[in-house]
PDB file of N, CA and C in Angstrom:
ATOM      1  N   GLU A   1      45.572  17.894 -14.042  1.00  0.00           N
ATOM      2  CA  GLU A   1      45.848  17.692 -14.987  1.00  0.00           C
ATOM      3  C   GLU A   1      47.416  17.527 -14.857  1.00  0.00           C
ATOM      4  N   ARG A   2      48.258  16.445 -15.393  1.00  0.00           N
ATOM      5  CA  ARG A   2      49.563  16.035 -14.908  1.00  0.00           C
ATOM      6  C   ARG A   2      50.481  16.969 -16.172  1.00  0.00           C
ATOM      7  N   CYS A   3      51.494  17.999 -15.480  1.00  0.00           N
ATOM      8  CA  CYS A   3      52.465  18.640 -16.392  1.00  0.00           C
ATOM      9  C   CYS A   3      53.934  17.365 -16.597  1.00  0.00           C
ATOM     10  N   THR A   4      53.858  17.063 -17.624  1.00  0.00           N
ATOM     11  CA  THR A   4      54.707  16.448 -18.398  1.00  0.00           C
ATOM     12  C   THR A   4      56.302  16.994 -17.895  1.00  0.00           C
ATOM     13  N   PRO A   5      57.694  16.574 -17.758  1.00  0.00           N
ATOM     14  CA  PRO A   5      58.363  17.102 -17.284  1.00  0.00           C
ATOM     15  C   PRO A   5      59.325  17.845 -19.041  1.00  0.00           C
ATOM     16  N   GLU A   6      60.145  18.771 -18.886  1.00  0.00           N
ATOM     17  CA  GLU A   6      60.880  19.302 -20.185  1.00  0.00           C
ATOM     18  C   GLU A   6      61.566  17.835 -20.442  1.00  0.00           C
ATOM     19  N   PRO A   7      62.034  17.727 -22.153  1.00  0.00           N
ATOM     20  CA  PRO A   7      63.460  16.976 -22.013  1.00  0.00           C
ATOM     21  C   PRO A   7      64.573  17.437 -21.472  1.00  0.00           C
ATOM     22  N   LYS A   8      65.084  15.871 -21.489  1.00  0.00           N
ATOM     23  CA  LYS A   8      66.469  16.164 -20.017  1.00  0.00           C
ATOM     24  C   LYS A   8      67.329  16.876 -20.832  1.00  0.00           C
ATOM     25  N   ARG A   9      67.863  18.073 -20.233  1.00  0.00           N
ATOM     26  CA  ARG A   9      69.086  18.730 -20.968  1.00  0.00           C
ATOM     27  C   ARG A   9      70.221  18.698 -19.907  1.00  0.00           C
ATOM     28  N   GLU A  10      71.170  19.428 -19.768  1.00  0.00           N
ATOM     29  CA  GLU A  10      72.687  18.893 -19.109  1.00  0.00           C
ATOM     30  C   GLU A  10      72.104  20.712 -18.382  1.00  0.00           C
ATOM     31  N   GLN A  11      72.482  20.656 -17.090  1.00  0.00           N
ATOM     32  CA  GLN A  11      72.293  21.103 -16.206  1.00  0.00           C
ATOM     33  C   GLN A  11      73.446  21.625 -15.208  1.00  0.00           C
ATOM     34  N   GLU A  12      73.565  22.782 -15.087  1.00  0.00           N
ATOM     35  CA  GLU A  12      74.976  22.578 -14.040  1.00  0.00           C
ATOM     36  C   GLU A  12      74.224  22.241 -12.429  1.00  0.00           C
ATOM     37  N   PRO A  13      74.950  21.316 -11.906  1.00  0.00           N
ATOM     38  CA  PRO A  13      74.878  20.877 -10.497  1.00  0.00           C
ATOM     39  C   PRO A  13      74.426  22.088  -9.220  1.00  0.00           C
ATOM     40  N   PRO A  14      73.553  22.045  -8.686  1.00  0.00           N
ATOM     41  CA  PRO A  14      73.177  23.043  -7.567  1.00  0.00           C
ATOM     42  C   PRO A  14      74.428  23.524  -6.806  1.00  0.00           C
ATOM     43  N   ALA A  15      74.645  24.891  -6.360  1.00  0.00           N
ATOM     44  CA  ALA A  15      75.583  25.009  -5.740  1.00  0.00           C
ATOM     45  C   ALA A  15      75.296  24.370  -4.170  1.00  0.00           C
ATOM     46  N   ALA A  16      76.490  23.773  -3.528  1.00  0.00           N
ATOM     47  CA  ALA A  16      76.064  23.619  -2.319  1.00  0.00           C
ATOM     48  C   ALA A  16      75.900  24.722  -1.338  1.00  0.00           C
ATOM     49  N   LEU A  17      75.536  24.256  -0.231  1.00  0.00           N
ATOM     50  CA  LEU A  17      75.317  25.136   0.724  1.00  0.00           C
ATOM     51  C   LEU A  17      76.734  25.219   1.621  1.00  0.00           C
ATOM     52  N   PRO A  18      76.584  26.680   1.900  1.00  0.00           N
ATOM     53  CA  PRO A  18      78.134  27.271   2.835  1.00  0.00           C
ATOM     54  C   PRO A  18      77.943  26.267   4.208  1.00  0.00           C
ATOM     55  N   ALA A  19      79.012  25.389   4.663  1.00  0.00           N
ATOM     56  CA  ALA A  19      79.429  25.286   5.976  1.00  0.00           C
ATOM     57  C   ALA A  19      79.086  26.435   7.283  1.00  0.00           C
ATOM     58  N   PRO A  20      78.201  26.114   8.197  1.00  0.00           N
ATOM     59  CA  PRO A  20      78.261  27.175   9.135  1.00  0.00           C
ATOM     60  C   PRO A  20      79.555  27.171   9.834  1.00  0.00           C
ATOM     61  N   PRO A  21      79.947  28.349  10.348  1.00  0.00           N
ATOM     62  CA  PRO A  21      81.731  28.938  11.022  1.00  0.00           C
ATOM     63  C   PRO A  21      81.735  28.204  11.987  1.00  0.00           C
ATOM     64  N   ALA A  22      82.639  27.184  12.383  1.00  0.00           N
ATOM     65  CA  ALA A  22      83.045  26.620  13.262  1.00  0.00           C
ATOM     66  C   ALA A  22      82.585  27.522  14.753  1.00  0.00           C
ATOM     67  N   ASP A  23      83.026  28.610  15.092  1.00  0.00           N
ATOM     68  CA  ASP A  23      82.329  29.439  15.855  1.00  0.00           C
ATOM     69  C   ASP A  23      81.047  30.052  16.017  1.00  0.00           C
ATOM     70  N   SER A  24      80.090  29.697  15.120  1.00  0.00           N
ATOM     71  CA  SER A  24      78.449  29.811  15.024  1.00  0.00           C
ATOM     72  C   SER A  24      78.087  30.216  16.552  1.00  0.00           C
ATOM     73  N   PRO A  25      77.114  31.342  16.267  1.00  0.00           N
ATOM     74  CA  PRO A  25      76.545  31.358  17.976  1.00  0.00           C
ATOM     75  C   PRO A  25      75.327  30.239  17.991  1.00  0.00           C
ATOM     76  N   TRP A  26      75.030  29.700  17.028  1.00  0.00           N
ATOM     77  CA  TRP A  26      74.039  28.948  17.323  1.00  0.00           C
ATOM     78  C   TRP A  26      74.021  27.885  16.778  1.00  0.00           C
ATOM     79  N   SER A  27      73.244  27.357  17.081  1.00  0.00           N
ATOM     80  CA  SER A  27      73.141  25.725  16.062  1.00  0.00           C
ATOM     81  C   SER A  27      71.780  24.962  16.149  1.00  0.00           C
ATOM     82  N   VAL A  28      71.387  24.195  15.663  1.00  0.00           N
ATOM     83  CA  VAL A  28      69.967  23.627  15.016  1.00  0.00           C
ATOM     84  C   VAL A  28      68.824  23.258  16.432  1.00  0.00           C
ATOM     85  N   ASP A  29      70.319  22.745  17.116  1.00  0.00           N
ATOM     86  CA  ASP A  29      69.688  22.390  19.022  1.00  0.00           C
ATOM     87  C   ASP A  29      69.109  23.071  19.226  1.00  0.00           C
ATOM     88  N   ASP A  30      69.908  24.432  19.228  1.00  0.00           N
ATOM     89  CA  ASP A  30      69.544  26.000  19.660  1.00  0.00           C
ATOM     90  C   ASP A  30      67.701  26.300  19.576  1.00  0.00           C
ATOM     91  N   ILE A  31      67.384  26.067  17.882  1.00  0.00           N
ATOM     92  CA  ILE A  31      66.308  26.239  17.602  1.00  0.00           C
ATOM     93  C   ILE A  31      65.061  25.422  17.753  1.00  0.00           C
ATOM     94  N   LEU A  32      65.364  24.055  17.931  1.00  0.00           N
ATOM     95  CA  LEU A  32      64.099  23.005  18.073  1.00  0.00           C
ATOM     96  C   LEU A  32      63.897  22.469  19.090  1.00  0.00           C
ATOM     97  N   SER A  33      62.486  22.851  20.112  1.00  0.00           N
ATOM     98  CA  SER A  33      62.016  22.384  20.962  1.00  0.00           C
ATOM     99  C   SER A  33      62.211  20.868  21.265  1.00  0.00           C
ATOM    100  N   GLU A  34      61.275  20.323  22.412  1.00  0.00           N
ATOM    101  CA  GLU A  34      61.386  18.758  22.468  1.00  0.00           C
ATOM    102  C   GLU A  34      60.122  18.249  21.497  1.00  0.00           C
ATOM    103  N   ASP A  35      59.304  19.068  20.869  1.00  0.00           N
ATOM    104  CA  ASP A  35      58.485  18.998  20.624  1.00  0.00           C
ATOM    105  C   ASP A  35      58.843  18.525  18.882  1.00  0.00           C
ATOM    106  N   ASP A  36      59.525  19.706  18.468  1.00  0.00           N
ATOM    107  CA  ASP A  36      60.267  19.738  16.880  1.00  0.00           C
ATOM    108  C   ASP A  36      61.163  18.227  16.791  1.00  0.00           C
ATOM    109  N   GLU A  37      61.800  18.058  18.264  1.00  0.00           N
ATOM    110  CA  GLU A  37      62.921  17.078  18.135  1.00  0.00           C
ATOM    111  C   GLU A  37      61.998  15.870  17.576  1.00  0.00           C
ATOM    112  N   ARG A  38      60.888  15.157  17.715  1.00  0.00           N
ATOM    113  CA  ARG A  38      60.727  14.362  17.232  1.00  0.00           C
ATOM    114  C   ARG A  38      60.454  14.224  15.394  1.00  0.00           C
ATOM    115  N   ASP A  39      60.673  15.066  15.085  1.00  0.00           N
ATOM    116  CA  ASP A  39      59.815  15.857  13.826  1.00  0.00           C
ATOM    117  C   ASP A  39      61.680  15.432  13.323  1.00  0.00           C
ATOM    118  N   ARG A  40      62.073  15.468  13.706  1.00  0.00           N
ATOM    119  CA  ARG A  40      63.366  16.002  12.756  1.00  0.00           C
ATOM    120  C   ARG A  40      64.005  14.716  12.268  1.00  0.00           C
ATOM    121  N   VAL A  41      64.453  14.849  11.053  1.00  0.00           N
ATOM    122  CA  VAL A  41      65.670  14.392  10.127  1.00  0.00           C
ATOM    123  C   VAL A  41      66.849  13.959  10.486  1.00  0.00           C
ATOM    124  N   PRO A  42      67.460  12.730  10.483  1.00  0.00           N
ATOM    125  CA  PRO A  42      68.768  12.912  10.736  1.00  0.00           C
ATOM    126  C   PRO A  42      69.400  12.896   9.543  1.00  0.00           C
ATOM    127  N   LEU A  43      70.925  13.934   9.409  1.00  0.00           N
ATOM    128  CA  LEU A  43      71.434  14.222   8.167  1.00  0.00           C
ATOM    129  C   LEU A  43      71.896  12.739   7.417  1.00  0.00           C
ATOM    130  N   GLN A  44      71.772  12.085   7.652  1.00  0.00           N
ATOM    131  CA  GLN A  44      72.247  10.715   6.712  1.00  0.00           C
ATOM    132  C   GLN A  44      70.782  10.671   5.535  1.00  0.00           C
ATOM    133  N   LYS A  45      69.797  10.468   6.285  1.00  0.00           N
ATOM    134  CA  LYS A  45      68.376  10.628   5.866  1.00  0.00           C
ATOM    135  C   LYS A  45      68.183  11.501   4.923  1.00  0.00           C
ATOM    136  N   LEU A  46      68.949  12.773   5.318  1.00  0.00           N
ATOM    137  CA  LEU A  46      68.540  13.893   4.319  1.00  0.00           C
ATOM    138  C   LEU A  46      69.862  13.954   3.063  1.00  0.00           C
ATOM    139  N   LYS A  47      70.694  13.390   3.568  1.00  0.00           N
ATOM    140  CA  LYS A  47      71.631  12.689   2.074  1.00  0.00           C
ATOM    141  C   LYS A  47      70.998  11.778   0.937  1.00  0.00           C
ATOM    142  N   LEU A  48      69.772  11.347   1.729  1.00  0.00           N
ATOM    143  CA  LEU A  48      69.660   9.766   0.299  1.00  0.00           C
ATOM    144  C   LEU A  48      68.462  10.816  -0.519  1.00  0.00           C
ATOM    145  N   LEU A  49      67.812  11.950   0.157  1.00  0.00           N
ATOM    146  CA  LEU A  49      67.022  12.949  -0.731  1.00  0.00           C
ATOM    147  C   LEU A  49      68.047  13.252  -2.206  1.00  0.00           C
ATOM    148  N   GLY A  50      69.237  13.562  -2.225  1.00  0.00           N
ATOM    149  CA  GLY A  50      70.211  13.873  -3.215  1.00  0.00           C
ATOM    150  C   GLY A  50      70.623  12.483  -3.958  1.00  0.00           C
ATOM    151  N   GLU A  51      70.206  11.211  -3.511  1.00  0.00           N
ATOM    152  CA  GLU A  51      70.772  10.343  -4.139  1.00  0.00           C
ATOM    153  C   GLU A  51      69.806   9.865  -5.242  1.00  0.00           C
ATOM    154  N   SER A  52      68.474  10.061  -5.090  1.00  0.00           N
ATOM    155  CA  SER A  52      67.344   9.725  -5.152  1.00  0.00           C
ATOM    156  C   SER A  52      67.188  10.006  -6.876  1.00  0.00           C
ATOM    157  N   GLU A  53      67.022   9.373  -7.907  1.00  0.00           N
ATOM    158  CA  GLU A  53      66.706   9.312  -9.247  1.00  0.00           C
ATOM    159  C   GLU A  53      65.403   9.716  -9.776  1.00  0.00           C
ATOM    160  N   GLU A  54      64.139   9.304  -8.327  1.00  0.00           N
ATOM    161  CA  GLU A  54      63.052   9.360  -8.655  1.00  0.00           C
ATOM    162  C   GLU A  54      62.850  11.088  -8.380  1.00  0.00           C
ATOM    163  N   LEU A  55      63.699  11.524  -7.376  1.00  0.00           N
ATOM    164  CA  LEU A  55      63.007  13.112  -6.623  1.00  0.00           C
ATOM    165  C   LEU A  55      63.689  13.746  -8.048  1.00  0.00           C
ATOM    166  N   ARG A  56      65.234  13.612  -8.418  1.00  0.00           N
ATOM    167  CA  ARG A  56      65.828  14.580  -9.253  1.00  0.00           C
ATOM    168  C   ARG A  56      64.437  14.836 -10.590  1.00  0.00           C
ATOM    169  N   THR A  57      63.951  13.603 -11.012  1.00  0.00           N
ATOM    170  CA  THR A  57      63.358  13.661 -12.279  1.00  0.00           C
ATOM    171  C   THR A  57      61.596  14.366 -12.276  1.00  0.00           C
ATOM    172  N   LEU A  58      61.091  14.490 -10.808  1.00  0.00           N
ATOM    173  CA  LEU A  58      60.185  15.192 -10.550  1.00  0.00           C
ATOM    174  C   LEU A  58      60.571  16.901 -10.325  1.00  0.00           C
ATOM    175  N   LEU A  59      61.962  17.005 -10.116  1.00  0.00           N
ATOM    176  CA  LEU A  59      62.233  18.729  -9.846  1.00  0.00           C
ATOM    177  C   LEU A  59      62.840  18.996 -10.835  1.00  0.00           C
ATOM    178  N   LEU A  60      62.373  17.847 -11.923  1.00  0.00           N
ATOM    179  CA  LEU A  60      63.025  18.591 -13.341  1.00  0.00           C
ATOM    180  C   LEU A  60      61.730  19.181 -13.869  1.00  0.00           C
ATOM    181  N   ASN A  61      60.236  18.877 -13.452  1.00  0.00           N
ATOM    182  CA  ASN A  61      59.003  19.755 -13.503  1.00  0.00           C
ATOM    183  C   ASN A  61      59.044  20.851 -12.991  1.00  0.00           C
ATOM    184  N   PRO A  62      59.047  22.359 -14.571  1.00  0.00           N
ATOM    185  CA  PRO A  62      58.622  23.523 -13.700  1.00  0.00           C
ATOM    186  C   PRO A  62      58.105  23.871 -12.741  1.00  0.00           C
ATOM    187  N   HIS A  63      56.576  23.465 -12.937  1.00  0.00           N
ATOM    188  CA  HIS A  63      55.098  23.734 -12.625  1.00  0.00           C
ATOM    189  C   HIS A  63      55.844  23.332 -11.077  1.00  0.00           C
ATOM    190  N   LEU A  64      56.316  22.483 -10.557  1.00  0.00           N
ATOM    191  CA  LEU A  64      56.780  21.882  -9.562  1.00  0.00           C
ATOM    192  C   LEU A  64      57.898  23.038  -8.510  1.00  0.00           C
ATOM    193  N   ARG A  65      58.882  22.661  -9.517  1.00  0.00           N
ATOM    194  CA  ARG A  65      60.214  24.028  -9.330  1.00  0.00           C
ATOM    195  C   ARG A  65      58.973  25.683  -8.698  1.00  0.00           C
ATOM    196  N   GLN A  66      58.252  25.794  -9.583  1.00  0.00           N
ATOM    197  CA  GLN A  66      57.888  26.968  -9.256  1.00  0.00           C
ATOM    198  C   GLN A  66      56.540  27.425  -7.589  1.00  0.00           C
ATOM    199  N   LEU A  67      55.919  26.216  -7.543  1.00  0.00           N
ATOM    200  CA  LEU A  67      55.333  25.504  -6.370  1.00  0.00           C
ATOM    201  C   LEU A  67      56.392  25.588  -5.259  1.00  0.00           C
ATOM    202  N   LEU A  68      57.606  25.273  -5.542  1.00  0.00           N
ATOM    203  CA  LEU A  68      58.603  25.281  -3.947  1.00  0.00           C
ATOM    204  C   LEU A  68      59.073  26.117  -3.748  1.00  0.00           C
ATOM    205  N   ILE A  69      59.421  27.256  -4.741  1.00  0.00           N
ATOM    206  CA  ILE A  69      59.672  28.347  -5.010  1.00  0.00           C
ATOM    207  C   ILE A  69      58.921  29.420  -4.040  1.00  0.00           C
ATOM    208  N   THR A  70      57.821  29.203  -4.468  1.00  0.00           N
ATOM    209  CA  THR A  70      56.642  30.117  -3.935  1.00  0.00           C
ATOM    210  C   THR A  70      56.456  29.580  -2.404  1.00  0.00           C
ATOM    211  N   VAL A  71      56.387  28.391  -1.992  1.00  0.00           N
ATOM    212  CA  VAL A  71      56.462  28.035  -0.714  1.00  0.00           C
ATOM    213  C   VAL A  71      57.699  28.612   0.313  1.00  0.00           C
ATOM    214  N   ASP A  72      58.910  28.367  -0.364  1.00  0.00           N
ATOM    215  CA  ASP A  72      60.007  29.061   0.474  1.00  0.00           C
ATOM    216  C   ASP A  72      60.045  30.417   0.281  1.00  0.00           C
ATOM    217  N   GLN A  73      59.147  31.144  -0.334  1.00  0.00           N
ATOM    218  CA  GLN A  73      59.416  32.461  -0.193  1.00  0.00           C
ATOM    219  C   GLN A  73      58.352  33.132   0.126  1.00  0.00           C
ATOM    220  N   ALA A  74      57.110  32.108   1.110  1.00  0.00           N
ATOM    221  CA  ALA A  74      56.002  32.851   1.007  1.00  0.00           C
ATOM    222  C   ALA A  74      56.220  33.093   3.189  1.00  0.00           C
ATOM    223  N   GLU A  75      54.853  34.065   3.127  1.00  0.00           N
ATOM    224  CA  GLU A  75      54.999  34.578   4.954  1.00  0.00           C
ATOM    225  C   GLU A  75      54.559  33.477   5.569  1.00  0.00           C
ATOM    226  N   ASP A  76      53.387  32.756   5.216  1.00  0.00           N
ATOM    227  CA  ASP A  76      52.811  32.040   5.671  1.00  0.00           C
ATOM    228  C   ASP A  76      52.728  30.934   5.339  1.00  0.00           C
ATOM    229  N   LYS A  77      53.896  30.158   5.385  1.00  0.00           N
ATOM    230  CA  LYS A  77      53.895  28.626   5.029  1.00  0.00           C
ATOM    231  C   LYS A  77      53.396  27.521   5.280  1.00  0.00           C
ATOM    232  N   SER A  78      52.537  27.522   6.455  1.00  0.00           N
ATOM    233  CA  SER A  78      51.683  26.852   6.743  1.00  0.00           C
ATOM    234  C   SER A  78      50.326  26.321   5.997  1.00  0.00           C
ATOM    235  N   SER A  79      49.769  27.625   5.440  1.00  0.00           N
ATOM    236  CA  SER A  79      48.169  27.880   4.985  1.00  0.00           C
ATOM    237  C   SER A  79      48.734  27.818   3.508  1.00  0.00           C
ATOM    238  N   LEU A  80      49.626  28.166   3.218  1.00  0.00           N
ATOM    239  CA  LEU A  80      50.115  27.783   1.396  1.00  0.00           C
ATOM    240  C   LEU A  80      50.480  26.052   1.228  1.00  0.00           C
ATOM    241  N   MET A  81      51.153  25.703   2.231  1.00  0.00           N
ATOM    242  CA  MET A  81      50.857  24.266   1.933  1.00  0.00           C
ATOM    243  C   MET A  81      50.102  22.978   2.411  1.00  0.00           C
ATOM    244  N   LYS A  82      49.026  23.578   3.468  1.00  0.00           N
ATOM    245  CA  LYS A  82      47.622  23.169   3.153  1.00  0.00           C
ATOM    246  C   LYS A  82      47.219  23.300   2.002  1.00  0.00           C
ATOM    247  N   LYS A  83      47.250  24.221   1.326  1.00  0.00           N
ATOM    248  CA  LYS A  83      46.637  24.389  -0.023  1.00  0.00           C
ATOM    249  C   LYS A  83      47.036  23.437  -1.455  1.00  0.00           C
ATOM    250  N   TYR A  84      49.062  23.791  -1.256  1.00  0.00           N
ATOM    251  CA  TYR A  84      49.608  22.779  -2.177  1.00  0.00           C
ATOM    252  C   TYR A  84      49.250  21.045  -1.844  1.00  0.00           C
ATOM    253  N   MET A  85      49.212  20.964  -0.926  1.00  0.00           N
ATOM    254  CA  MET A  85      48.608  19.506  -0.503  1.00  0.00           C
ATOM    255  C   MET A  85      47.640  19.042  -1.823  1.00  0.00           C
ATOM    256  N   GLN A  86      46.669  19.397  -1.965  1.00  0.00           N
ATOM    257  CA  GLN A  86      45.488  19.532  -2.837  1.00  0.00           C
ATOM    258  C   GLN A  86      45.752  19.375  -4.180  1.00  0.00           C
ATOM    259  N   GLU A  87      46.908  19.915  -4.482  1.00  0.00           N
ATOM    260  CA  GLU A  87      48.055  19.672  -6.136  1.00  0.00           C
ATOM    261  C   GLU A  87      48.319  18.397  -5.954  1.00  0.00           C
ATOM    262  N   PRO A  88      47.521  17.424  -6.765  1.00  0.00           N
ATOM    263  CA  PRO A  88      48.837  16.168  -7.478  1.00  0.00           C
ATOM    264  C   PRO A  88      50.060  15.948  -7.293  1.00  0.00           C
ATOM    265  N   LEU A  89      50.548  17.070  -8.141  1.00  0.00           N
ATOM    266  CA  LEU A  89      52.418  17.456  -8.379  1.00  0.00           C
ATOM    267  C   LEU A  89      52.917  17.262  -7.087  1.00  0.00           C
ATOM    268  N   PHE A  90      52.220  18.149  -6.238  1.00  0.00           N
ATOM    269  CA  PHE A  90      53.272  18.717  -5.237  1.00  0.00           C
ATOM    270  C   PHE A  90      52.960  16.947  -4.263  1.00  0.00           C
ATOM    271  N   VAL A  91      51.577  16.495  -3.732  1.00  0.00           N
ATOM    272  CA  VAL A  91      51.532  15.729  -3.416  1.00  0.00           C
ATOM    273  C   VAL A  91      52.717  14.344  -3.497  1.00  0.00           C
ATOM    274  N   GLU A  92      52.914  14.038  -4.998  1.00  0.00           N
ATOM    275  CA  GLU A  92      53.642  12.840  -5.596  1.00  0.00           C
ATOM    276  C   GLU A  92      54.724  13.325  -4.998  1.00  0.00           C
ATOM    277  N   PHE A  93      55.668  15.112  -5.230  1.00  0.00           N
ATOM    278  CA  PHE A  93      56.848  14.985  -4.103  1.00  0.00           C
ATOM    279  C   PHE A  93      56.574  15.094  -3.208  1.00  0.00           C
ATOM    280  N   ALA A  94      55.742  15.182  -2.063  1.00  0.00           N
ATOM    281  CA  ALA A  94      55.819  15.359  -0.799  1.00  0.00           C
ATOM    282  C   ALA A  94      56.147  13.798  -0.700  1.00  0.00           C
ATOM    283  N   ASP A  95      55.194  12.827  -1.325  1.00  0.00           N
ATOM    284  CA  ASP A  95      55.264  11.332  -1.007  1.00  0.00           C
ATOM    285  C   ASP A  95      56.804  10.979  -1.432  1.00  0.00           C
ATOM    286  N   CYS A  96      56.699  11.219  -2.197  1.00  0.00           N
ATOM    287  CA  CYS A  96      58.150  10.686  -2.445  1.00  0.00           C
ATOM    288  C   CYS A  96      59.354  11.085  -1.656  1.00  0.00           C
ATOM    289  N   CYS A  97      59.635  12.348  -0.851  1.00  0.00           N
ATOM    290  CA  CYS A  97      60.257  12.819  -0.260  1.00  0.00           C
ATOM    291  C   CYS A  97      60.078  11.887   1.214  1.00  0.00           C
ATOM    292  N   LEU A  98      59.197  11.723   1.817  1.00  0.00           N
ATOM    293  CA  LEU A  98      58.562  10.852   2.566  1.00  0.00           C
ATOM    294  C   LEU A  98      58.993   9.212   2.249  1.00  0.00           C
ATOM    295  N   GLY A  99      58.556   9.169   1.260  1.00  0.00           N
ATOM    296  CA  GLY A  99      59.109   7.123   1.059  1.00  0.00           C
ATOM    297  C   GLY A  99      60.710   7.482   1.287  1.00  0.00           C
ATOM    298  N   ILE A 100      61.613   8.239   1.176  1.00  0.00           N
ATOM    299  CA  ILE A 100      62.660   8.134   1.154  1.00  0.00           C
ATOM    300  C   ILE A 100      63.563   8.609   2.984  1.00  0.00           C
ATOM    301  N   VAL A 101      62.648   9.121   3.210  1.00  0.00           N
ATOM    302  CA  VAL A 101      63.145   9.490   4.632  1.00  0.00           C
ATOM    303  C   VAL A 101      62.293   8.518   5.771  1.00  0.00           C
ATOM    304  N   GLU A 102      61.421   7.888   5.199  1.00  0.00           N
ATOM    305  CA  GLU A 102      60.701   7.275   6.481  1.00  0.00           C
ATOM    306  C   GLU A 102      59.931   6.100   5.279  1.00  0.00           C
ATOM    307  N   PRO A 103      60.874   5.197   5.042  1.00  0.00           N
ATOM    308  CA  PRO A 103      60.432   3.899   3.631  1.00  0.00           C
ATOM    309  C   PRO A 103      59.267   3.374   4.505  1.00  0.00           C
ATOM    310  N   PRO A 104      58.218   2.640   3.852  1.00  0.00           N
ATOM    311  CA  PRO A 104      57.033   2.175   4.643  1.00  0.00           C
ATOM    312  C   PRO A 104      57.869   1.205   4.947  1.00  0.00           C
ATOM    313  N   GLU A 105      57.000   0.526   5.631  1.00  0.00           N
ATOM    314  CA  GLU A 105      57.306  -0.850   6.832  1.00  0.00           C
ATOM    315  C   GLU A 105      56.779  -1.947   5.979  1.00  0.00           C
ATOM    316  N   LYS A 106      57.385  -3.005   5.383  1.00  0.00           N
ATOM    317  CA  LYS A 106      56.621  -3.970   4.847  1.00  0.00           C
ATOM    318  C   LYS A 106      55.983  -4.886   5.594  1.00  0.00           C
ATOM    319  N   GLU A 107      54.416  -4.659   5.397  1.00  0.00           N
ATOM    320  CA  GLU A 107      53.197  -4.910   5.503  1.00  0.00           C
ATOM    321  C   GLU A 107      53.230  -7.033   5.067  1.00  0.00           C
ATOM    322  N   ASN A 108      52.365  -7.374   6.191  1.00  0.00           N
ATOM    323  CA  ASN A 108      51.971  -9.048   5.667  1.00  0.00           C
ATOM    324  C   ASN A 108      53.331  -9.901   4.961  1.00  0.00           C
ATOM    325  N   VAL A 109      54.463  -9.412   5.260  1.00  0.00           N
ATOM    326  CA  VAL A 109      55.540 -10.454   5.484  1.00  0.00           C
ATOM    327  C   VAL A 109      55.715 -11.386   6.132  1.00  0.00           C
ATOM    328  N   LEU A 110      55.970 -12.753   5.604  1.00  0.00           N
ATOM    329  CA  LEU A 110      56.019 -14.080   6.115  1.00  0.00           C
ATOM    330  C   LEU A 110      57.300 -14.362   6.709  1.00  0.00           C
ATOM    331  N   PRO A 111      57.598 -14.479   7.864  1.00  0.00           N
ATOM    332  CA  PRO A 111      59.010 -14.842   8.384  1.00  0.00           C
ATOM    333  C   PRO A 111      59.525 -15.591   7.675  1.00  0.00           C
ATOM    334  N   GLU A 112      61.419 -15.991   7.555  1.00  0.00           N
ATOM    335  CA  GLU A 112      61.789 -17.064   6.949  1.00  0.00           C
ATOM    336  C   GLU A 112      61.827 -18.352   7.699  1.00  0.00           C
TER     337      GLU A 112
END
């Protein structure tokens, strides 16, 4: 069963994440292995997530928001993600995010 979003209402914009100090003892590069590097999404593409009206609309759904909070706070995120990938709403959210950061290549397009 699909949840319908609540009526649109004025919301405060989410607080911006604080920038890491310039003299920070570590960086993202320090915690990524070579295998992780291929899964890294460039910052420019991540910014596109914040510009997507479709994604914003999905995030108005309180059920989806609760799922995301639960994943964020979970100890075993991997098994919880496997479970949530059976939830149509969560799959819709994941597909929307992937479509933004990795747009599908056009198939069967004739050259001009």
